């Protein structure tokens, strides 16, 4: 069986410097609070160029991110990769990040959600029934304890 150009799909990515992100946008990306698919990586984030937000709901996205999504859309890109070593694009705002910008601690419910997601991920790959994961499931309220465990 031979592979032809119609057998696969290629998506384009625009890579830009994280200097184009304000402190607020950076925090939203770090906390996963944007209403678009965001994938963290070691040096920044990858954001899906969601046409619904770019074209129809720009008020739901921070202005600095929205401007970059517009550039990506104009260049027929499906993704934007924010990278600390990425290129600085002329005509876009640049921000100095505040080294001591206040970062609010996560709400306990958010930590519980992360714990539940981690357990679901572990379970999806066969699960780990060690005592540690059992205690994690108990703490997350995903499993009932027995009377013997309560003693």
Protein backbone atom coordinates (compact mmCIF):
# COMPACT_ATOMS: atom_id res chain seq x y z
CA UNK A 1 0.00 0.00 0.00
CA UNK A 2 1.47 3.34 -0.97
CA UNK A 3 0.81 6.62 0.79
CA UNK A 4 -0.32 9.55 -1.30
CA UNK A 5 -0.66 13.22 -0.45
CA UNK A 6 -4.39 12.75 0.10
CA UNK A 7 -3.82 10.15 2.85
CA UNK A 8 -2.71 12.63 5.49
CA UNK A 9 -3.30 16.15 6.70
CA UNK A 10 -0.64 18.74 7.50
CA UNK A 11 -1.35 21.67 9.78
CA UNK A 12 0.67 24.89 9.87
CA UNK A 13 1.97 26.49 13.07
CA UNK A 14 2.95 30.10 13.66
CA UNK A 15 5.76 30.36 16.24
CA UNK A 16 6.05 33.65 18.14
CA UNK A 17 7.92 34.91 21.17
CA UNK A 18 6.27 34.80 24.57
CA UNK A 19 7.27 38.48 24.81
CA UNK A 20 4.05 39.15 22.90
CA UNK A 21 2.04 37.96 25.93
CA UNK A 22 0.96 40.25 28.75
CA UNK A 23 1.26 39.07 32.36
CA UNK A 24 -2.49 38.49 32.44
CA UNK A 25 -2.44 36.37 29.28
CA UNK A 26 0.55 34.40 30.54
CA UNK A 27 -1.29 33.62 33.78
CA UNK A 28 -4.42 32.59 31.85
CA UNK A 29 -2.32 30.23 29.73
CA UNK A 30 -0.50 28.84 32.78
CA UNK A 31 -3.80 28.18 34.54
CA UNK A 32 -5.52 26.74 31.46
CA UNK A 33 -8.20 29.43 31.70
CA UNK A 34 -8.47 30.32 28.00
CA UNK A 35 -11.59 29.14 26.22
CA UNK A 36 -9.49 27.58 23.44
CA UNK A 37 -7.43 24.41 23.29
CA UNK A 38 -4.09 25.16 24.95
CA UNK A 39 -1.18 22.74 25.29
CA UNK A 40 1.68 23.69 27.61
CA UNK A 41 5.21 22.80 26.58
CA UNK A 42 8.56 23.32 28.28
CA UNK A 43 9.09 26.83 26.92
CA UNK A 44 5.58 28.20 26.42
CA UNK A 45 2.23 27.10 25.03
CA UNK A 46 0.62 25.84 21.84
CA UNK A 47 -2.80 27.35 21.14
CA UNK A 48 -5.34 26.19 18.59
CA UNK A 49 -6.50 28.89 16.18
CA UNK A 50 -10.20 28.49 16.91
CA UNK A 51 -12.05 30.23 14.10
CA UNK A 52 -15.13 30.77 16.30
CA UNK A 53 -13.10 32.92 18.68
CA UNK A 54 -10.96 34.63 16.08
CA UNK A 55 -13.83 35.65 13.85
CA UNK A 56 -16.92 35.72 16.04
CA UNK A 57 -16.02 36.05 19.73
CA UNK A 58 -12.89 38.18 20.06
CA UNK A 59 -14.21 39.69 23.30
CA UNK A 60 -13.68 36.30 24.99
CA UNK A 61 -9.91 36.38 24.32
CA UNK A 62 -7.28 38.79 25.63
CA UNK A 63 -6.41 41.42 23.00
CA UNK A 64 -2.72 40.40 22.77
CA UNK A 65 -3.60 36.76 22.10
CA UNK A 66 -6.41 37.69 19.73
CA UNK A 67 -4.04 39.83 17.62
CA UNK A 68 -1.66 36.88 17.26
CA UNK A 69 -4.51 34.52 16.40
CA UNK A 70 -5.51 36.95 13.63
CA UNK A 71 -1.97 36.84 12.22
CA UNK A 72 -2.03 33.03 12.35
CA UNK A 73 -5.43 32.95 10.63
CA UNK A 74 -4.17 35.30 7.90
CA UNK A 75 -1.19 32.95 7.37
CA UNK A 76 -3.50 29.87 7.16
CA UNK A 77 -2.08 28.44 10.41
CA UNK A 78 -4.11 26.14 12.63
CA UNK A 79 -1.83 26.55 15.68
CA UNK A 80 0.23 29.22 17.43
CA UNK A 81 3.31 28.14 19.36
CA UNK A 82 4.27 30.68 22.01
CA UNK A 83 7.94 29.99 22.70
CA UNK A 84 10.40 31.91 24.87
CA UNK A 85 12.93 31.67 22.00
CA UNK A 86 10.38 32.31 19.25
CA UNK A 87 10.65 35.24 16.84
CA UNK A 88 9.42 38.70 17.75
CA UNK A 89 6.89 39.86 15.17
CA UNK A 90 7.01 43.48 14.08
CA UNK A 91 3.82 45.42 14.65
CA UNK A 92 2.73 43.39 17.67
CA UNK A 93 2.95 44.64 21.25
CA UNK A 94 5.76 43.36 23.46
CA UNK A 95 5.51 43.03 27.22
CA UNK A 96 8.06 42.81 29.99
CA UNK A 97 6.92 40.18 32.43
CA UNK A 98 6.92 41.21 36.04
CA UNK A 99 9.27 38.86 37.85
CA UNK A 100 7.31 39.22 41.08
CA UNK A 101 3.85 39.46 39.54
CA UNK A 102 1.38 38.06 42.06
CA UNK A 103 0.20 34.61 41.18
CA UNK A 104 -2.91 33.52 42.99
CA UNK A 105 -2.67 30.05 44.52
CA UNK A 106 -5.02 27.54 42.93
CA UNK A 107 -8.38 27.04 44.58
CA UNK A 108 -8.64 23.68 46.42
CA UNK A 109 -11.34 22.59 43.96
CA UNK A 110 -8.87 23.13 41.10
CA UNK A 111 -6.28 20.96 42.84
CA UNK A 112 -8.92 18.27 43.35
CA UNK A 113 -9.76 18.44 39.63
CA UNK A 114 -6.09 17.99 38.74
CA UNK A 115 -5.86 15.02 41.09
CA UNK A 116 -8.97 13.45 39.53
CA UNK A 117 -7.60 14.04 36.01
CA UNK A 118 -4.30 12.44 36.98
CA UNK A 119 -6.06 9.41 38.42
CA UNK A 120 -8.27 9.10 35.33
CA UNK A 121 -5.15 9.24 33.16
CA UNK A 122 -3.43 6.56 35.25
CA UNK A 123 -6.54 4.36 35.17
CA UNK A 124 -6.81 4.76 31.39
CA UNK A 125 -3.36 3.22 31.06
CA UNK A 126 -4.15 0.17 33.13
CA UNK A 127 -4.24 1.87 36.49
CA UNK A 128 -1.94 1.46 39.39
CA UNK A 129 -3.44 -0.32 42.34
CA UNK A 130 -0.62 0.51 44.70
CA UNK A 131 -1.40 1.91 48.10
CA UNK A 132 -0.39 5.40 46.93
CA UNK A 133 -2.92 5.46 44.10
CA UNK A 134 -5.56 3.94 46.36
CA UNK A 135 -5.03 6.77 48.85
CA UNK A 136 -5.17 9.29 45.98
CA UNK A 137 -8.47 7.84 44.80
CA UNK A 138 -9.81 8.01 48.35
CA UNK A 139 -8.66 11.63 48.74
CA UNK A 140 -10.30 12.60 45.46
CA UNK A 141 -13.55 10.96 46.49
CA UNK A 142 -13.35 8.48 43.64
CA UNK A 143 -13.39 5.43 45.89
CA UNK A 144 -15.12 4.49 49.13
CA UNK A 145 -13.01 3.45 52.11
CA UNK A 146 -13.69 0.25 53.97
CA UNK A 147 -14.06 0.14 57.75
CA UNK A 148 -10.70 -1.66 58.05
CA UNK A 149 -8.95 1.25 56.30
CA UNK A 150 -10.53 3.78 58.62
CA UNK A 151 -8.88 2.20 61.69
